Amino acid sequence: MTPGGPSGRAPRPHGESPLPRAAVAEDGADAGALTPPNDGEDGRPRGCFRRAQRVRKRSEFLEIQAAGRRVATPRLVLLLRAREGAATGARLGITVSRKVGVAVTRNRARRVVREAFRATRSLWPPDCDVVVVVRRADPAPGLADVIAELRQAERAIRRRAAEARDREARRENLARGA
């Protein structure tokens, strides 16, 4: 048998664990507890992007692109459309054309936009569908860049979302009256 055991690795000293440890409280009460998963309080988003939070059907994308209210930023075009019925939370759809770059670049742009959407939840009205069209991803924007861009466009986003809600209300009234 080798000195490090059957795997050939040296054993860890007693008390060391490969798992991260939480900071020890002053009274030592939490000594040795595992660190909890990130709960988003530090500003970083967490969790998965569920089906209910995504615009998934081509017909929905086309509807939003045809009737949505536009907000343009240097890297993105945001299309906002109010959704009738109960407000179940904002939904996101992302469009990145081949003009933006190769597949790796397009997928990175999608991931960054998705994370920015999660990090800026308070920006999006709960009864709105949002389609983000990525204009360009050169140079590759980081998460902080996209979040800053969305925060700068916050007033325009709120104004356009209100316009979208008014437009949807008028459309419903016309449908009832007809």
N, C-alpha and C. Protein backbone atom coordinates (compact mmCIF):
# COMPACT_ATOMS: atom_id res chain seq x y z
N MET A 1 0.85 -1.19 0.00
CA MET A 1 0.00 0.00 0.00
C MET A 1 0.88 1.24 0.00
N THR A 2 0.49 2.25 -0.74
CA THR A 2 1.29 3.47 -0.83
C THR A 2 1.03 4.34 0.38
N PRO A 3 1.95 5.27 0.70
CA PRO A 3 1.78 6.11 1.88
C PRO A 3 0.52 6.97 1.83
N GLY A 4 0.06 7.31 0.66
CA GLY A 4 -1.11 8.18 0.56
C GLY A 4 -2.41 7.41 0.51
N GLY A 5 -2.38 6.13 0.74
CA GLY A 5 -3.60 5.35 0.65
C GLY A 5 -3.74 4.75 -0.73
N PRO A 6 -4.86 4.06 -1.00
CA PRO A 6 -5.03 3.38 -2.27
C PRO A 6 -5.10 4.34 -3.45
N SER A 7 -5.51 5.58 -3.22
CA SER A 7 -5.62 6.53 -4.32
C SER A 7 -4.29 7.18 -4.66
N GLY A 8 -3.29 7.02 -3.79
CA GLY A 8 -2.01 7.64 -4.04
C GLY A 8 -1.92 9.08 -3.57
N ARG A 9 -2.96 9.58 -2.98
CA ARG A 9 -2.98 10.95 -2.50
C ARG A 9 -2.65 10.98 -1.01
N ALA A 10 -2.05 12.06 -0.61
CA ALA A 10 -1.74 12.23 0.80
C ALA A 10 -3.02 12.54 1.55
N PRO A 11 -3.23 11.96 2.74
CA PRO A 11 -4.46 12.25 3.48
C PRO A 11 -4.46 13.69 3.99
N ARG A 12 -5.65 14.24 4.15
CA ARG A 12 -5.79 15.60 4.68
C ARG A 12 -5.56 15.57 6.18
N PRO A 13 -4.98 16.64 6.70
CA PRO A 13 -4.85 16.71 8.16
C PRO A 13 -6.23 16.69 8.80
N HIS A 14 -6.29 16.16 10.01
CA HIS A 14 -7.56 16.04 10.71
C HIS A 14 -8.24 17.41 10.83
N GLY A 15 -9.53 17.46 10.56
CA GLY A 15 -10.30 18.69 10.71
C GLY A 15 -10.43 19.49 9.43
N GLU A 16 -9.63 19.22 8.40
CA GLU A 16 -9.75 19.95 7.15
C GLU A 16 -10.78 19.28 6.27
N SER A 17 -11.54 20.07 5.59
CA SER A 17 -12.55 19.55 4.69
C SER A 17 -12.44 20.28 3.37
N PRO A 18 -12.73 19.62 2.25
CA PRO A 18 -12.69 20.33 0.97
C PRO A 18 -13.86 21.29 0.81
N LEU A 19 -14.87 21.21 1.70
CA LEU A 19 -16.04 22.08 1.59
C LEU A 19 -15.75 23.43 2.25
N PRO A 20 -16.31 24.53 1.71
CA PRO A 20 -16.08 25.84 2.31
C PRO A 20 -16.75 25.95 3.67
N ARG A 21 -16.15 26.70 4.55
CA ARG A 21 -16.70 26.90 5.89
C ARG A 21 -17.27 28.31 6.00
N ALA A 22 -18.32 28.45 6.80
CA ALA A 22 -18.89 29.76 7.06
C ALA A 22 -17.99 30.50 8.03
N ALA A 23 -18.11 31.79 8.02
CA ALA A 23 -17.34 32.58 8.98
C ALA A 23 -17.81 32.24 10.39
N VAL A 24 -16.88 32.13 11.29
CA VAL A 24 -17.22 31.76 12.66
C VAL A 24 -17.76 32.99 13.37
N ALA A 25 -18.89 32.83 14.02
CA ALA A 25 -19.48 33.93 14.77
C ALA A 25 -18.58 34.26 15.96
N GLU A 26 -18.75 35.46 16.51
CA GLU A 26 -17.91 35.89 17.62
C GLU A 26 -18.02 34.93 18.80
N ASP A 27 -19.22 34.40 19.04
CA ASP A 27 -19.38 33.49 20.17
C ASP A 27 -19.05 32.05 19.80
N GLY A 28 -18.70 31.81 18.52
CA GLY A 28 -18.30 30.48 18.07
C GLY A 28 -19.47 29.55 17.84
N ALA A 29 -20.69 30.07 17.79
CA ALA A 29 -21.88 29.23 17.68
C ALA A 29 -21.95 28.49 16.35
N ASP A 30 -21.53 29.13 15.25
CA ASP A 30 -21.66 28.52 13.94
C ASP A 30 -20.38 27.88 13.46
N ALA A 31 -19.48 27.57 14.34
CA ALA A 31 -18.20 27.01 13.93
C ALA A 31 -18.42 25.71 13.18
N GLY A 32 -17.83 25.62 12.00
CA GLY A 32 -17.90 24.38 11.24
C GLY A 32 -19.12 24.25 10.35
N ALA A 33 -20.03 25.21 10.35
CA ALA A 33 -21.22 25.12 9.50
C ALA A 33 -20.83 25.37 8.05
N LEU A 34 -21.49 24.70 7.14
CA LEU A 34 -21.23 24.92 5.73
C LEU A 34 -21.81 26.25 5.32
N THR A 35 -21.20 26.88 4.31
CA THR A 35 -21.71 28.16 3.84
C THR A 35 -23.03 27.94 3.12
N PRO A 36 -24.01 28.79 3.35
CA PRO A 36 -25.30 28.64 2.67
C PRO A 36 -25.16 29.04 1.21
N PRO A 37 -26.04 28.56 0.36
CA PRO A 37 -25.99 28.97 -1.04
C PRO A 37 -26.30 30.45 -1.17
N ASN A 38 -25.81 31.04 -2.23
CA ASN A 38 -26.02 32.46 -2.47
C ASN A 38 -27.52 32.75 -2.56
N ASP A 39 -28.00 33.67 -1.75
CA ASP A 39 -29.43 33.96 -1.75
C ASP A 39 -29.78 35.24 -2.48
N GLY A 40 -28.83 35.83 -3.19
CA GLY A 40 -29.11 37.01 -3.99
C GLY A 40 -29.02 38.30 -3.23
N GLU A 41 -28.75 38.28 -1.92
CA GLU A 41 -28.69 39.51 -1.15
C GLU A 41 -27.46 40.34 -1.48
N ASP A 42 -26.44 39.72 -2.03
CA ASP A 42 -25.23 40.44 -2.37
C ASP A 42 -25.32 41.07 -3.76
N GLY A 43 -26.49 41.05 -4.37
CA GLY A 43 -26.68 41.66 -5.67
C GLY A 43 -26.50 40.68 -6.82
N ARG A 44 -25.93 39.51 -6.55
CA ARG A 44 -25.76 38.53 -7.61
C ARG A 44 -27.01 37.69 -7.69
N PRO A 45 -27.51 37.45 -8.89
CA PRO A 45 -28.71 36.63 -9.03
C PRO A 45 -28.40 35.17 -8.75
N ARG A 46 -29.44 34.42 -8.44
CA ARG A 46 -29.25 32.99 -8.25
C ARG A 46 -30.47 32.26 -8.77
N GLY A 47 -30.32 31.00 -8.99
CA GLY A 47 -31.46 30.19 -9.39
C GLY A 47 -31.48 29.95 -10.89
N CYS A 48 -32.46 29.17 -11.30
CA CYS A 48 -32.57 28.85 -12.71
C CYS A 48 -33.59 29.77 -13.38
N PHE A 49 -33.67 29.67 -14.66
CA PHE A 49 -34.56 30.50 -15.45
C PHE A 49 -35.71 29.62 -15.89
N ARG A 50 -36.80 29.63 -15.14
CA ARG A 50 -37.91 28.70 -15.33
C ARG A 50 -38.72 29.01 -16.60
N ARG A 51 -39.48 28.01 -17.03
CA ARG A 51 -40.30 28.16 -18.23
C ARG A 51 -41.26 29.33 -18.14
N ALA A 52 -41.85 29.53 -16.97
CA ALA A 52 -42.82 30.60 -16.79
C ALA A 52 -42.18 31.98 -16.93
N GLN A 53 -40.87 32.05 -16.87
CA GLN A 53 -40.15 33.33 -16.96
C GLN A 53 -39.62 33.58 -18.37
N ARG A 54 -39.92 32.69 -19.32
CA ARG A 54 -39.39 32.81 -20.67
C ARG A 54 -40.50 32.97 -21.69
N VAL A 55 -40.24 33.76 -22.72
CA VAL A 55 -41.08 33.80 -23.91
C VAL A 55 -40.53 32.67 -24.77
N ARG A 56 -41.38 31.69 -25.12
CA ARG A 56 -40.86 30.49 -25.76
C ARG A 56 -41.36 30.26 -27.18
N LYS A 57 -42.57 30.67 -27.49
CA LYS A 57 -43.14 30.35 -28.79
C LYS A 57 -42.81 31.42 -29.82
N ARG A 58 -42.60 30.98 -31.05
CA ARG A 58 -42.30 31.91 -32.14
C ARG A 58 -43.43 32.91 -32.30
N SER A 59 -44.67 32.46 -32.17
CA SER A 59 -45.82 33.36 -32.34
C SER A 59 -45.79 34.47 -31.27
N GLU A 60 -45.37 34.14 -30.06
CA GLU A 60 -45.26 35.16 -29.01
C GLU A 60 -44.16 36.16 -29.34
N PHE A 61 -43.01 35.66 -29.82
CA PHE A 61 -41.93 36.56 -30.22
C PHE A 61 -42.41 37.52 -31.30
N LEU A 62 -43.10 36.98 -32.31
CA LEU A 62 -43.57 37.82 -33.42
C LEU A 62 -44.59 38.84 -32.94
N GLU A 63 -45.48 38.43 -32.04
CA GLU A 63 -46.48 39.33 -31.48
C GLU A 63 -45.82 40.49 -30.73
N ILE A 64 -44.85 40.16 -29.90
CA ILE A 64 -44.16 41.18 -29.10
C ILE A 64 -43.36 42.09 -30.02
N GLN A 65 -42.71 41.53 -31.03
CA GLN A 65 -41.92 42.36 -31.93
C GLN A 65 -42.79 43.27 -32.78
N ALA A 66 -44.00 42.81 -33.11
CA ALA A 66 -44.90 43.63 -33.93
C ALA A 66 -45.57 44.74 -33.12
N ALA A 67 -46.02 44.41 -31.90
CA ALA A 67 -46.83 45.35 -31.13
C ALA A 67 -46.10 45.93 -29.92
N GLY A 68 -44.87 45.51 -29.69
CA GLY A 68 -44.15 45.96 -28.49
C GLY A 68 -43.65 47.39 -28.60
N ARG A 69 -43.44 48.00 -27.46
CA ARG A 69 -42.87 49.34 -27.38
C ARG A 69 -41.36 49.21 -27.28
N ARG A 70 -40.63 50.01 -28.05
CA ARG A 70 -39.17 49.86 -28.15
C ARG A 70 -38.42 50.80 -27.21
N VAL A 71 -37.34 50.26 -26.65
CA VAL A 71 -36.36 51.05 -25.90
C VAL A 71 -35.01 50.63 -26.45
N ALA A 72 -34.24 51.60 -26.95
CA ALA A 72 -32.94 51.29 -27.55
C ALA A 72 -31.82 51.72 -26.62
N THR A 73 -30.82 50.88 -26.50
CA THR A 73 -29.59 51.19 -25.79
C THR A 73 -28.45 50.93 -26.78
N PRO A 74 -27.23 51.29 -26.44
CA PRO A 74 -26.14 51.07 -27.40
C PRO A 74 -25.96 49.62 -27.85
N ARG A 75 -26.16 48.66 -26.97
CA ARG A 75 -25.95 47.26 -27.34
C ARG A 75 -27.23 46.47 -27.54
N LEU A 76 -28.36 46.98 -27.03
CA LEU A 76 -29.60 46.19 -27.00
C LEU A 76 -30.78 46.99 -27.53
N VAL A 77 -31.78 46.28 -28.02
CA VAL A 77 -33.10 46.85 -28.28
C VAL A 77 -34.07 46.05 -27.42
N LEU A 78 -34.82 46.74 -26.58
CA LEU A 78 -35.79 46.09 -25.69
C LEU A 78 -37.18 46.32 -26.26
N LEU A 79 -37.96 45.27 -26.38
CA LEU A 79 -39.34 45.37 -26.84
C LEU A 79 -40.23 44.94 -25.69
N LEU A 80 -41.13 45.83 -25.26
CA LEU A 80 -41.98 45.57 -24.10
C LEU A 80 -43.43 45.48 -24.55
N ARG A 81 -44.12 44.49 -24.05
CA ARG A 81 -45.55 44.34 -24.35
C ARG A 81 -46.27 43.89 -23.09
N ALA A 82 -47.37 44.57 -22.77
CA ALA A 82 -48.18 44.20 -21.61
C ALA A 82 -48.90 42.89 -21.91
N ARG A 83 -49.05 42.10 -20.87
CA ARG A 83 -49.71 40.80 -20.99
C ARG A 83 -51.04 40.89 -20.27
N GLU A 84 -52.10 40.43 -20.93
CA GLU A 84 -53.40 40.43 -20.28
C GLU A 84 -53.48 39.29 -19.28
N GLY A 85 -54.40 39.40 -18.36
CA GLY A 85 -54.55 38.35 -17.35
C GLY A 85 -53.77 38.68 -16.09
N ALA A 86 -53.61 37.69 -15.25
CA ALA A 86 -52.93 37.88 -13.97
C ALA A 86 -51.45 38.15 -14.18
N ALA A 87 -50.91 39.03 -13.35
CA ALA A 87 -49.49 39.35 -13.42
C ALA A 87 -48.71 38.23 -12.73
N THR A 88 -48.04 37.42 -13.53
CA THR A 88 -47.29 36.30 -12.98
C THR A 88 -45.79 36.56 -12.99
N GLY A 89 -45.38 37.75 -13.29
CA GLY A 89 -43.97 38.07 -13.37
C GLY A 89 -43.56 38.34 -14.80
N ALA A 90 -42.55 39.15 -14.96
CA ALA A 90 -42.06 39.49 -16.29
C ALA A 90 -41.47 38.25 -16.96
N ARG A 91 -41.64 38.16 -18.27
CA ARG A 91 -41.06 37.06 -19.04
C ARG A 91 -40.04 37.64 -20.01
N LEU A 92 -39.00 36.88 -20.29
CA LEU A 92 -37.91 37.33 -21.15
C LEU A 92 -37.74 36.43 -22.35
N GLY A 93 -37.55 37.06 -23.50
CA GLY A 93 -37.16 36.36 -24.72
C GLY A 93 -35.92 37.05 -25.25
N ILE A 94 -34.99 36.31 -25.80
CA ILE A 94 -33.73 36.88 -26.28
C ILE A 94 -33.53 36.49 -27.73
N THR A 95 -33.18 37.48 -28.56
CA THR A 95 -32.89 37.24 -29.96
C THR A 95 -31.48 37.75 -30.25
N VAL A 96 -30.66 36.86 -30.79
CA VAL A 96 -29.30 37.24 -31.16
C VAL A 96 -29.06 36.70 -32.57
N SER A 97 -28.89 37.59 -33.54
CA SER A 97 -28.73 37.13 -34.92
C SER A 97 -27.28 36.75 -35.20
N ARG A 98 -27.05 36.13 -36.32
CA ARG A 98 -25.70 35.71 -36.70
C ARG A 98 -24.79 36.89 -36.97
N LYS A 99 -25.38 38.06 -37.23
CA LYS A 99 -24.57 39.26 -37.46
C LYS A 99 -23.75 39.62 -36.22
N VAL A 100 -24.22 39.20 -35.06
CA VAL A 100 -23.54 39.52 -33.81
C VAL A 100 -22.20 38.80 -33.72
N GLY A 101 -22.12 37.58 -34.23
CA GLY A 101 -20.87 36.84 -34.17
C GLY A 101 -21.09 35.35 -34.26
N VAL A 102 -20.03 34.61 -33.96
CA VAL A 102 -20.10 33.15 -34.02
C VAL A 102 -20.93 32.63 -32.85
N ALA A 103 -21.20 31.34 -32.84
CA ALA A 103 -22.09 30.74 -31.84
C ALA A 103 -21.63 31.00 -30.41
N VAL A 104 -20.34 30.93 -30.17
CA VAL A 104 -19.83 31.15 -28.82
C VAL A 104 -20.16 32.56 -28.35
N THR A 105 -19.99 33.53 -29.22
CA THR A 105 -20.29 34.93 -28.90
C THR A 105 -21.78 35.13 -28.66
N ARG A 106 -22.60 34.53 -29.52
CA ARG A 106 -24.05 34.67 -29.36
C ARG A 106 -24.54 34.03 -28.06
N ASN A 107 -24.03 32.86 -27.74
CA ASN A 107 -24.44 32.18 -26.51
C ASN A 107 -24.00 32.95 -25.28
N ARG A 108 -22.80 33.52 -25.32
CA ARG A 108 -22.33 34.33 -24.19
C ARG A 108 -23.23 35.56 -24.02
N ALA A 109 -23.60 36.18 -25.13
CA ALA A 109 -24.49 37.34 -25.07
C ALA A 109 -25.82 36.95 -24.43
N ARG A 110 -26.37 35.80 -24.81
CA ARG A 110 -27.62 35.32 -24.21
C ARG A 110 -27.48 35.12 -22.70
N ARG A 111 -26.40 34.48 -22.30
CA ARG A 111 -26.19 34.23 -20.86
C ARG A 111 -26.07 35.52 -20.08
N VAL A 112 -25.35 36.49 -20.63
CA VAL A 112 -25.16 37.77 -19.94
C VAL A 112 -26.50 38.50 -19.83
N VAL A 113 -27.28 38.52 -20.90
CA VAL A 113 -28.59 39.20 -20.87
C VAL A 113 -29.51 38.52 -19.87
N ARG A 114 -29.49 37.19 -19.84
CA ARG A 114 -30.32 36.44 -18.89
C ARG A 114 -29.96 36.78 -17.44
N GLU A 115 -28.68 36.82 -17.15
CA GLU A 115 -28.24 37.15 -15.79
C GLU A 115 -28.58 38.60 -15.44
N ALA A 116 -28.44 39.51 -16.41
CA ALA A 116 -28.78 40.91 -16.17
C ALA A 116 -30.27 41.06 -15.88
N PHE A 117 -31.09 40.29 -16.59
CA PHE A 117 -32.53 40.32 -16.37
C PHE A 117 -32.85 39.87 -14.94
N ARG A 118 -32.20 38.79 -14.50
CA ARG A 118 -32.40 38.31 -13.13
C ARG A 118 -31.95 39.33 -12.10
N ALA A 119 -30.83 39.98 -12.38
CA ALA A 119 -30.24 40.93 -11.41
C ALA A 119 -31.05 42.22 -11.33
N THR A 120 -31.82 42.53 -12.36
CA THR A 120 -32.59 43.79 -12.39
C THR A 120 -34.09 43.51 -12.35
N ARG A 121 -34.51 42.51 -11.59
CA ARG A 121 -35.93 42.14 -11.49
C ARG A 121 -36.84 43.32 -11.20
N SER A 122 -36.38 44.24 -10.36
CA SER A 122 -37.23 45.37 -9.96
C SER A 122 -37.55 46.30 -11.14
N LEU A 123 -36.77 46.25 -12.19
CA LEU A 123 -37.00 47.11 -13.36
C LEU A 123 -38.22 46.69 -14.17
N TRP A 124 -38.52 45.41 -14.15
CA TRP A 124 -39.51 44.87 -15.07
C TRP A 124 -40.88 44.74 -14.42
N PRO A 125 -41.90 45.36 -15.02
CA PRO A 125 -43.26 45.22 -14.48
C PRO A 125 -43.70 43.76 -14.54
N PRO A 126 -44.46 43.30 -13.55
CA PRO A 126 -44.83 41.89 -13.50
C PRO A 126 -45.80 41.44 -14.60
N ASP A 127 -46.44 42.38 -15.28
CA ASP A 127 -47.39 42.02 -16.32
C ASP A 127 -46.84 42.26 -17.72
N CYS A 128 -45.52 42.24 -17.85
CA CYS A 128 -44.88 42.60 -19.11
C CYS A 128 -44.07 41.44 -19.69
N ASP A 129 -44.08 41.35 -21.01
CA ASP A 129 -43.19 40.45 -21.72
C ASP A 129 -42.09 41.31 -22.33
N VAL A 130 -40.87 40.85 -22.26
CA VAL A 130 -39.73 41.60 -22.76
C VAL A 130 -38.98 40.73 -23.75
N VAL A 131 -38.73 41.27 -24.95
CA VAL A 131 -37.85 40.61 -25.91
C VAL A 131 -36.64 41.51 -26.06
N VAL A 132 -35.47 40.94 -25.84
CA VAL A 132 -34.21 41.68 -25.97
C VAL A 132 -33.55 41.24 -27.27
N VAL A 133 -33.29 42.21 -28.14
CA VAL A 133 -32.56 41.95 -29.38
C VAL A 133 -31.15 42.48 -29.16
N VAL A 134 -30.18 41.60 -29.23
CA VAL A 134 -28.79 42.02 -29.05
C VAL A 134 -28.30 42.60 -30.37
N ARG A 135 -27.91 43.87 -30.34
CA ARG A 135 -27.43 44.55 -31.55
C ARG A 135 -26.00 44.16 -31.86
N ARG A 136 -25.17 44.24 -30.83
CA ARG A 136 -23.75 43.93 -31.03
C ARG A 136 -23.18 43.42 -29.71
N ALA A 137 -22.16 42.61 -29.83
CA ALA A 137 -21.51 42.08 -28.65
C ALA A 137 -20.00 42.22 -28.79
N ASP A 138 -19.57 43.26 -29.51
CA ASP A 138 -18.15 43.47 -29.74
C ASP A 138 -17.76 44.85 -29.24
N PRO A 139 -16.91 45.02 -28.28
CA PRO A 139 -16.25 43.97 -27.52
C PRO A 139 -17.26 43.29 -26.59
N ALA A 140 -16.96 42.07 -26.19
CA ALA A 140 -17.87 41.28 -25.38
C ALA A 140 -18.19 42.00 -24.08
N PRO A 141 -19.47 42.38 -23.88
CA PRO A 141 -19.83 43.10 -22.65
C PRO A 141 -19.90 42.15 -21.46
N GLY A 142 -19.49 42.64 -20.32
CA GLY A 142 -19.61 41.87 -19.10
C GLY A 142 -20.98 42.08 -18.48
N LEU A 143 -21.26 41.34 -17.47
CA LEU A 143 -22.54 41.44 -16.78
C LEU A 143 -22.74 42.85 -16.22
N ALA A 144 -21.70 43.41 -15.63
CA ALA A 144 -21.80 44.75 -15.04
C ALA A 144 -22.13 45.80 -16.10
N ASP A 145 -21.57 45.65 -17.30
CA ASP A 145 -21.83 46.59 -18.39
C ASP A 145 -23.30 46.55 -18.80
N VAL A 146 -23.85 45.35 -18.95
CA VAL A 146 -25.25 45.21 -19.38
C VAL A 146 -26.20 45.71 -18.29
N ILE A 147 -25.89 45.40 -17.03
CA ILE A 147 -26.73 45.88 -15.93
C ILE A 147 -26.71 47.40 -15.89
N ALA A 148 -25.54 48.00 -16.05
CA ALA A 148 -25.44 49.47 -16.05
C ALA A 148 -26.25 50.07 -17.21
N GLU A 149 -26.19 49.42 -18.36
CA GLU A 149 -26.95 49.89 -19.52
C GLU A 149 -28.45 49.85 -19.25
N LEU A 150 -28.91 48.77 -18.62
CA LEU A 150 -30.34 48.65 -18.30
C LEU A 150 -30.75 49.67 -17.25
N ARG A 151 -29.90 49.89 -16.25
CA ARG A 151 -30.21 50.89 -15.21
C ARG A 151 -30.28 52.29 -15.80
N GLN A 152 -29.42 52.59 -16.79
CA GLN A 152 -29.47 53.91 -17.43
C GLN A 152 -30.76 54.09 -18.22
N ALA A 153 -31.30 53.01 -18.74
CA ALA A 153 -32.52 53.08 -19.53
C ALA A 153 -33.77 52.88 -18.67
N GLU A 154 -33.63 52.90 -17.36
CA GLU A 154 -34.75 52.59 -16.46
C GLU A 154 -35.96 53.50 -16.69
N ARG A 155 -35.73 54.80 -16.81
CA ARG A 155 -36.87 55.72 -17.02
C ARG A 155 -37.60 55.41 -18.31
N ALA A 156 -36.86 55.17 -19.38
CA ALA A 156 -37.47 54.85 -20.66
C ALA A 156 -38.22 53.52 -20.58
N ILE A 157 -37.66 52.55 -19.86
CA ILE A 157 -38.32 51.24 -19.71
C ILE A 157 -39.65 51.41 -18.99
N ARG A 158 -39.64 52.17 -17.90
CA ARG A 158 -40.89 52.38 -17.14
C ARG A 158 -41.93 53.12 -17.99
N ARG A 159 -41.50 54.14 -18.74
CA ARG A 159 -42.42 54.90 -19.58
C ARG A 159 -43.01 54.01 -20.68
N ARG A 160 -42.16 53.24 -21.34
CA ARG A 160 -42.64 52.37 -22.42
C ARG A 160 -43.53 51.24 -21.89
N ALA A 161 -43.24 50.74 -20.70
CA ALA A 161 -44.09 49.71 -20.10
C ALA A 161 -45.48 50.27 -19.80
N ALA A 162 -45.53 51.52 -19.32
CA ALA A 162 -46.83 52.16 -19.06
C ALA A 162 -47.59 52.35 -20.37
N GLU A 163 -46.88 52.76 -21.41
CA GLU A 163 -47.52 52.91 -22.73
C GLU A 163 -48.05 51.56 -23.23
N ALA A 164 -47.29 50.52 -23.01
CA ALA A 164 -47.71 49.18 -23.45
C ALA A 164 -48.97 48.75 -22.70
N ARG A 165 -49.02 49.05 -21.39
CA ARG A 165 -50.22 48.71 -20.61
C ARG A 165 -51.44 49.48 -21.10
N ASP A 166 -51.26 50.78 -21.38
CA ASP A 166 -52.37 51.60 -21.90
C ASP A 166 -52.84 51.07 -23.25
N ARG A 167 -51.90 50.70 -24.09
CA ARG A 167 -52.24 50.19 -25.41
C ARG A 167 -53.02 48.88 -25.30
N GLU A 168 -52.59 48.01 -24.40
CA GLU A 168 -53.27 46.73 -24.19
C GLU A 168 -54.68 46.95 -23.63
N ALA A 169 -54.84 47.92 -22.72
CA ALA A 169 -56.15 48.22 -22.14
C ALA A 169 -57.09 48.73 -23.24
N ARG A 170 -56.58 49.60 -24.12
CA ARG A 170 -57.41 50.10 -25.22
C ARG A 170 -57.82 48.97 -26.16
N ARG A 171 -56.90 48.05 -26.42
CA ARG A 171 -57.20 46.93 -27.30
C ARG A 171 -58.28 46.04 -26.68
N GLU A 172 -58.20 45.81 -25.37
CA GLU A 172 -59.22 44.99 -24.69
C GLU A 172 -60.58 45.68 -24.72
N ASN A 173 -60.59 47.00 -24.50
CA ASN A 173 -61.86 47.75 -24.53
C ASN A 173 -62.49 47.69 -25.92
N LEU A 174 -61.69 47.80 -26.97
CA LEU A 174 -62.22 47.71 -28.32
C LEU A 174 -62.77 46.32 -28.60
N ALA A 175 -62.11 45.30 -28.09
CA ALA A 175 -62.56 43.93 -28.31
C ALA A 175 -63.90 43.68 -27.59
N ARG A 176 -64.05 44.25 -26.40
CA ARG A 176 -65.32 44.08 -25.67
C ARG A 176 -66.45 44.85 -26.33
N GLY A 177 -66.15 46.04 -26.85
CA GLY A 177 -67.17 46.88 -27.43
C GLY A 177 -67.62 46.40 -28.81
N ALA A 178 -66.81 45.62 -29.46
CA ALA A 178 -67.13 45.18 -30.83
C ALA A 178 -68.12 44.06 -30.85
